[in-house]
């Protein structure tokens, strides 16, 4: 595996870790402001897990603040209704965003149906891009082979081949991840 591909895989892994734990930190200012209803609303509106308040409690304890769980929940319960809509489900799926499972049961079914539709749309886009990139890769390889046979330099094609190969690998990983999400969330319907 080339150094470039290893770096891409590492970046994807790091991005996945960050995406899997959004909102797990809170600033000292937010702790001290003590506006837990607004924080809860914002977390709900972004579809974060309500359990994130536990990480807030740990962070805020360093500043002598204990989150007001009741105010947080009140805000969260309003905010989550803004997140758990059919339109947002499609939007989140098309963007291949992770779903934390935070929607209440009365909203989750509609959200998930549309989230899965959005994931499938994203999957189709990735499949089309994969096919385009594969055709370009084949064209570049054929051109490189012609240049090599004529003993002409082909460094530019080699670099482009490596780049497209890496893109195809990333695309494959993304499609596998989306298929996994579709299987996971379809089982809840």
C-alpha atoms as a PDB file:
ATOM      1  CA  UNK A   1       0.000   0.000   0.000  1.00  0.00           C
ATOM      2  CA  UNK A   2       1.450   3.354  -0.971  1.00  0.00           C
ATOM      3  CA  UNK A   3       2.088   6.139   1.499  1.00  0.00           C
ATOM      4  CA  UNK A   4      -0.625   8.270  -0.157  1.00  0.00           C
ATOM      5  CA  UNK A   5      -3.291   5.567   0.169  1.00  0.00           C
ATOM      6  CA  UNK A   6      -2.338   4.958   3.809  1.00  0.00           C
ATOM      7  CA  UNK A   7      -2.717   8.698   4.499  1.00  0.00           C
ATOM      8  CA  UNK A   8      -6.128   8.790   2.807  1.00  0.00           C
ATOM      9  CA  UNK A   9      -7.298   5.802   4.855  1.00  0.00           C
ATOM     10  CA  UNK A  10      -6.023   7.442   8.045  1.00  0.00           C
ATOM     11  CA  UNK A  11      -7.813  10.696   7.187  1.00  0.00           C
ATOM     12  CA  UNK A  12     -11.062   8.838   6.490  1.00  0.00           C
ATOM     13  CA  UNK A  13     -10.741   6.967   9.791  1.00  0.00           C
ATOM     14  CA  UNK A  14     -10.098  10.190  11.724  1.00  0.00           C
ATOM     15  CA  UNK A  15     -13.016  11.950  10.029  1.00  0.00           C
ATOM     16  CA  UNK A  16     -15.262   9.022  10.915  1.00  0.00           C
ATOM     17  CA  UNK A  17     -14.248   9.262  14.571  1.00  0.00           C
ATOM     18  CA  UNK A  18     -14.998  12.968  14.651  1.00  0.00           C
ATOM     19  CA  UNK A  19     -18.327  12.466  12.860  1.00  0.00           C
ATOM     20  CA  UNK A  20     -19.315   9.652  15.193  1.00  0.00           C
ATOM     21  CA  UNK A  21     -18.998  11.844  18.261  1.00  0.00           C
ATOM     22  CA  UNK A  22     -20.317  15.275  17.303  1.00  0.00           C
ATOM     23  CA  UNK A  23     -20.941  17.747  20.071  1.00  0.00           C
ATOM     24  CA  UNK A  24     -19.190  15.755  22.774  1.00  0.00           C
ATOM     25  CA  UNK A  25     -17.258  18.762  23.991  1.00  0.00           C
ATOM     26  CA  UNK A  26     -18.506  22.022  25.374  1.00  0.00           C
ATOM     27  CA  UNK A  27     -16.666  25.260  25.942  1.00  0.00           C
ATOM     28  CA  UNK A  28     -16.061  26.747  29.364  1.00  0.00           C
ATOM     29  CA  UNK A  29     -18.139  29.733  28.251  1.00  0.00           C
ATOM     30  CA  UNK A  30     -21.135  27.507  27.445  1.00  0.00           C
ATOM     31  CA  UNK A  31     -20.781  25.700  30.765  1.00  0.00           C
ATOM     32  CA  UNK A  32     -20.708  28.964  32.676  1.00  0.00           C
ATOM     33  CA  UNK A  33     -23.550  30.534  30.650  1.00  0.00           C
ATOM     34  CA  UNK A  34     -25.763  27.806  32.029  1.00  0.00           C
ATOM     35  CA  UNK A  35     -28.311  28.009  29.174  1.00  0.00           C
ATOM     36  CA  UNK A  36     -29.030  24.303  29.123  1.00  0.00           C
ATOM     37  CA  UNK A  37     -32.387  24.611  27.392  1.00  0.00           C
ATOM     38  CA  UNK A  38     -30.776  26.303  24.389  1.00  0.00           C
ATOM     39  CA  UNK A  39     -27.924  23.784  24.365  1.00  0.00           C
ATOM     40  CA  UNK A  40     -30.460  20.953  24.457  1.00  0.00           C
ATOM     41  CA  UNK A  41     -32.490  22.550  21.669  1.00  0.00           C
ATOM     42  CA  UNK A  42     -29.390  22.945  19.494  1.00  0.00           C
ATOM     43  CA  UNK A  43     -28.323  19.337  20.107  1.00  0.00           C
ATOM     44  CA  UNK A  44     -31.820  18.087  19.290  1.00  0.00           C
ATOM     45  CA  UNK A  45     -32.022  20.194  16.147  1.00  0.00           C
ATOM     46  CA  UNK A  46     -28.717  18.665  15.000  1.00  0.00           C
ATOM     47  CA  UNK A  47     -29.896  15.126  15.767  1.00  0.00           C
ATOM     48  CA  UNK A  48     -27.291  14.468  18.422  1.00  0.00           C
ATOM     49  CA  UNK A  49     -27.845  11.784  20.972  1.00  0.00           C
ATOM     50  CA  UNK A  50     -29.413  13.097  24.196  1.00  0.00           C
ATOM     51  CA  UNK A  51     -26.698  11.141  26.007  1.00  0.00           C
ATOM     52  CA  UNK A  52     -24.225  13.854  25.034  1.00  0.00           C
ATOM     53  CA  UNK A  53     -25.243  15.646  28.238  1.00  0.00           C
ATOM     54  CA  UNK A  54     -23.133  13.062  30.093  1.00  0.00           C
ATOM     55  CA  UNK A  55     -19.989  14.277  28.340  1.00  0.00           C
ATOM     56  CA  UNK A  56     -21.060  17.865  29.030  1.00  0.00           C
ATOM     57  CA  UNK A  57     -21.324  16.986  32.725  1.00  0.00           C
ATOM     58  CA  UNK A  58     -17.734  15.714  32.717  1.00  0.00           C
ATOM     59  CA  UNK A  59     -16.434  18.782  30.860  1.00  0.00           C
ATOM     60  CA  UNK A  60     -18.404  21.275  32.941  1.00  0.00           C
ATOM     61  CA  UNK A  61     -17.406  19.648  36.231  1.00  0.00           C
ATOM     62  CA  UNK A  62     -13.934  21.037  35.583  1.00  0.00           C
ATOM     63  CA  UNK A  63     -15.505  24.498  35.840  1.00  0.00           C
ATOM     64  CA  UNK A  64     -17.685  23.711  38.847  1.00  0.00           C
ATOM     65  CA  UNK A  65     -20.887  23.561  36.793  1.00  0.00           C
ATOM     66  CA  UNK A  66     -23.481  20.807  36.721  1.00  0.00           C
ATOM     67  CA  UNK A  67     -25.788  20.750  33.683  1.00  0.00           C
ATOM     68  CA  UNK A  68     -29.488  21.265  34.330  1.00  0.00           C
ATOM     69  CA  UNK A  69     -30.757  17.971  32.900  1.00  0.00           C
ATOM     70  CA  UNK A  70     -34.387  19.057  33.083  1.00  0.00           C
ATOM     71  CA  UNK A  71     -33.798  22.265  31.077  1.00  0.00           C
ATOM     72  CA  UNK A  72     -31.564  20.384  28.649  1.00  0.00           C
ATOM     73  CA  UNK A  73     -34.261  17.731  28.053  1.00  0.00           C
ATOM     74  CA  UNK A  74     -36.969  20.359  27.576  1.00  0.00           C
ATOM     75  CA  UNK A  75     -34.879  22.079  24.882  1.00  0.00           C
ATOM     76  CA  UNK A  76     -33.786  18.803  23.339  1.00  0.00           C
ATOM     77  CA  UNK A  77     -37.359  17.537  23.037  1.00  0.00           C
ATOM     78  CA  UNK A  78     -38.339  20.620  21.025  1.00  0.00           C
ATOM     79  CA  UNK A  79     -35.169  20.639  18.899  1.00  0.00           C
ATOM     80  CA  UNK A  80     -35.372  16.973  17.968  1.00  0.00           C
ATOM     81  CA  UNK A  81     -38.775  17.540  16.355  1.00  0.00           C
ATOM     82  CA  UNK A  82     -37.062  19.913  13.922  1.00  0.00           C
ATOM     83  CA  UNK A  83     -34.503  17.242  13.054  1.00  0.00           C
ATOM     84  CA  UNK A  84     -36.773  14.198  12.793  1.00  0.00           C
ATOM     85  CA  UNK A  85     -38.714  15.228   9.690  1.00  0.00           C
ATOM     86  CA  UNK A  86     -39.174  13.470   6.361  1.00  0.00           C
ATOM     87  CA  UNK A  87     -37.374  16.269   4.475  1.00  0.00           C
ATOM     88  CA  UNK A  88     -34.439  16.246   6.847  1.00  0.00           C
ATOM     89  CA  UNK A  89     -34.252  12.459   6.679  1.00  0.00           C
ATOM     90  CA  UNK A  90     -33.702  12.631   2.923  1.00  0.00           C
ATOM     91  CA  UNK A  91     -31.225  15.498   3.309  1.00  0.00           C
ATOM     92  CA  UNK A  92     -29.185  13.684   5.985  1.00  0.00           C
ATOM     93  CA  UNK A  93     -29.134  10.503   3.900  1.00  0.00           C
ATOM     94  CA  UNK A  94     -28.090  12.273   0.695  1.00  0.00           C
ATOM     95  CA  UNK A  95     -25.226  13.853   2.622  1.00  0.00           C
ATOM     96  CA  UNK A  96     -24.304  10.450   4.070  1.00  0.00           C
ATOM     97  CA  UNK A  97     -24.568  11.820   7.596  1.00  0.00           C
ATOM     98  CA  UNK A  98     -24.649   9.456  10.541  1.00  0.00           C
ATOM     99  CA  UNK A  99     -27.889   9.044  12.466  1.00  0.00           C
ATOM    100  CA  UNK A 100     -27.568   8.753  16.235  1.00  0.00           C
ATOM    101  CA  UNK A 101     -30.924   7.050  16.775  1.00  0.00           C
ATOM    102  CA  UNK A 102     -32.171  10.099  18.682  1.00  0.00           C
ATOM    103  CA  UNK A 103     -35.606  10.483  17.061  1.00  0.00           C
ATOM    104  CA  UNK A 104     -38.501   9.610  19.358  1.00  0.00           C
ATOM    105  CA  UNK A 105     -40.540   6.564  18.311  1.00  0.00           C
ATOM    106  CA  UNK A 106     -43.466   8.634  16.988  1.00  0.00           C
ATOM    107  CA  UNK A 107     -41.129  10.486  14.570  1.00  0.00           C
ATOM    108  CA  UNK A 108     -38.471   7.892  13.878  1.00  0.00           C
ATOM    109  CA  UNK A 109     -40.321   5.736  11.344  1.00  0.00           C
ATOM    110  CA  UNK A 110     -40.986   8.635   8.936  1.00  0.00           C
ATOM    111  CA  UNK A 111     -37.476  10.000   9.449  1.00  0.00           C
ATOM    112  CA  UNK A 112     -35.830   6.600   8.868  1.00  0.00           C
ATOM    113  CA  UNK A 113     -37.842   5.777   5.746  1.00  0.00           C
ATOM    114  CA  UNK A 114     -36.700   9.025   4.200  1.00  0.00           C
ATOM    115  CA  UNK A 115     -33.166   8.766   5.579  1.00  0.00           C
ATOM    116  CA  UNK A 116     -32.847   5.410   3.822  1.00  0.00           C
ATOM    117  CA  UNK A 117     -34.191   6.938   0.591  1.00  0.00           C
ATOM    118  CA  UNK A 118     -31.528   9.657   0.887  1.00  0.00           C
ATOM    119  CA  UNK A 119     -28.819   7.057   1.513  1.00  0.00           C
ATOM    120  CA  UNK A 120     -29.937   5.147  -1.572  1.00  0.00           C
ATOM    121  CA  UNK A 121     -29.789   8.344  -3.643  1.00  0.00           C
ATOM    122  CA  UNK A 122     -26.253   8.949  -2.371  1.00  0.00           C
ATOM    123  CA  UNK A 123     -25.388   5.360  -3.215  1.00  0.00           C
ATOM    124  CA  UNK A 124     -26.576   5.844  -6.809  1.00  0.00           C
ATOM    125  CA  UNK A 125     -24.470   9.025  -7.096  1.00  0.00           C
ATOM    126  CA  UNK A 126     -21.418   7.151  -5.825  1.00  0.00           C
ATOM    127  CA  UNK A 127     -22.018   4.261  -8.216  1.00  0.00           C
ATOM    128  CA  UNK A 128     -22.232   6.653 -11.167  1.00  0.00           C
ATOM    129  CA  UNK A 129     -19.036   8.401 -10.056  1.00  0.00           C
ATOM    130  CA  UNK A 130     -17.335   5.031  -9.614  1.00  0.00           C
ATOM    131  CA  UNK A 131     -18.228   4.067 -13.185  1.00  0.00           C
ATOM    132  CA  UNK A 132     -16.955   7.407 -14.523  1.00  0.00           C
ATOM    133  CA  UNK A 133     -13.713   7.100 -12.593  1.00  0.00           C
ATOM    134  CA  UNK A 134     -13.243   3.502 -13.765  1.00  0.00           C
ATOM    135  CA  UNK A 135     -13.609   4.598 -17.392  1.00  0.00           C
ATOM    136  CA  UNK A 136     -11.114   7.423 -16.839  1.00  0.00           C
ATOM    137  CA  UNK A 137      -8.705   5.011 -15.147  1.00  0.00           C
ATOM    138  CA  UNK A 138      -8.931   2.613 -18.100  1.00  0.00           C
ATOM    139  CA  UNK A 139      -8.297   5.497 -20.520  1.00  0.00           C
ATOM    140  CA  UNK A 140      -5.268   6.687 -18.546  1.00  0.00           C
ATOM    141  CA  UNK A 141      -3.804   3.190 -18.305  1.00  0.00           C
ATOM    142  CA  UNK A 142      -4.181   2.693 -22.054  1.00  0.00           C
ATOM    143  CA  UNK A 143      -2.509   6.062 -22.699  1.00  0.00           C
ATOM    144  CA  UNK A 144       0.301   5.242 -20.268  1.00  0.00           C
ATOM    145  CA  UNK A 145       0.869   1.896 -21.974  1.00  0.00           C
ATOM    146  CA  UNK A 146       1.060   3.627 -25.385  1.00  0.00           C
ATOM    147  CA  UNK A 147       3.562   6.137 -24.048  1.00  0.00           C
ATOM    148  CA  UNK A 148       5.629   3.403 -22.369  1.00  0.00           C
ATOM    149  CA  UNK A 149       5.684   1.380 -25.598  1.00  0.00           C
ATOM    150  CA  UNK A 150       6.950   4.456 -27.439  1.00  0.00           C
ATOM    151  CA  UNK A 151       9.478   4.981 -24.620  1.00  0.00           C
ATOM    152  CA  UNK A 152       7.999   8.390 -23.817  1.00  0.00           C
ATOM    153  CA  UNK A 153       7.557   9.829 -20.314  1.00  0.00           C
ATOM    154  CA  UNK A 154       4.288   8.965 -18.604  1.00  0.00           C
ATOM    155  CA  UNK A 155       4.768  10.391 -15.102  1.00  0.00           C
ATOM    156  CA  UNK A 156       1.670  12.590 -15.323  1.00  0.00           C
ATOM    157  CA  UNK A 157      -0.507   9.610 -16.207  1.00  0.00           C
ATOM    158  CA  UNK A 158       1.077   7.553 -13.415  1.00  0.00           C
ATOM    159  CA  UNK A 159       0.236  10.218 -10.827  1.00  0.00           C
ATOM    160  CA  UNK A 160      -3.311  10.569 -12.129  1.00  0.00           C
ATOM    161  CA  UNK A 161      -3.738   6.768 -12.127  1.00  0.00           C
ATOM    162  CA  UNK A 162      -2.632   6.636  -8.499  1.00  0.00           C
ATOM    163  CA  UNK A 163      -5.008   9.460  -7.584  1.00  0.00           C
ATOM    164  CA  UNK A 164      -8.017   7.890  -9.318  1.00  0.00           C
ATOM    165  CA  UNK A 165      -7.202   4.482  -7.824  1.00  0.00           C
ATOM    166  CA  UNK A 166      -7.279   6.068  -4.388  1.00  0.00           C
ATOM    167  CA  UNK A 167     -10.576   7.801  -5.194  1.00  0.00           C
ATOM    168  CA  UNK A 168     -12.064   4.479  -6.312  1.00  0.00           C
ATOM    169  CA  UNK A 169     -10.949   2.847  -3.075  1.00  0.00           C
ATOM    170  CA  UNK A 170     -12.527   5.639  -1.043  1.00  0.00           C
ATOM    171  CA  UNK A 171     -15.701   5.390  -3.110  1.00  0.00           C
ATOM    172  CA  UNK A 172     -15.888   1.650  -2.443  1.00  0.00           C
ATOM    173  CA  UNK A 173     -15.490   2.233   1.296  1.00  0.00           C
ATOM    174  CA  UNK A 174     -18.214   4.893   1.238  1.00  0.00           C
ATOM    175  CA  UNK A 175     -20.613   2.587  -0.601  1.00  0.00           C
ATOM    176  CA  UNK A 176     -19.937  -0.222   1.872  1.00  0.00           C
ATOM    177  CA  UNK A 177     -20.582   2.149   4.761  1.00  0.00           C
ATOM    178  CA  UNK A 178     -23.847   3.364   3.218  1.00  0.00           C
ATOM    179  CA  UNK A 179     -25.022  -0.201   2.580  1.00  0.00           C
ATOM    180  CA  UNK A 180     -24.249  -0.997   6.203  1.00  0.00           C
ATOM    181  CA  UNK A 181     -26.310   2.003   7.365  1.00  0.00           C
ATOM    182  CA  UNK A 182     -29.189   0.976   5.107  1.00  0.00           C
ATOM    183  CA  UNK A 183     -29.160  -2.550   6.572  1.00  0.00           C
ATOM    184  CA  UNK A 184     -28.897  -1.263  10.134  1.00  0.00           C
ATOM    185  CA  UNK A 185     -31.688   1.277   9.942  1.00  0.00           C
ATOM    186  CA  UNK A 186     -33.982  -0.812   7.706  1.00  0.00           C
ATOM    187  CA  UNK A 187     -34.121  -3.366  10.499  1.00  0.00           C
ATOM    188  CA  UNK A 188     -35.758  -0.721  12.720  1.00  0.00           C
ATOM    189  CA  UNK A 189     -38.669  -0.231  10.327  1.00  0.00           C
END
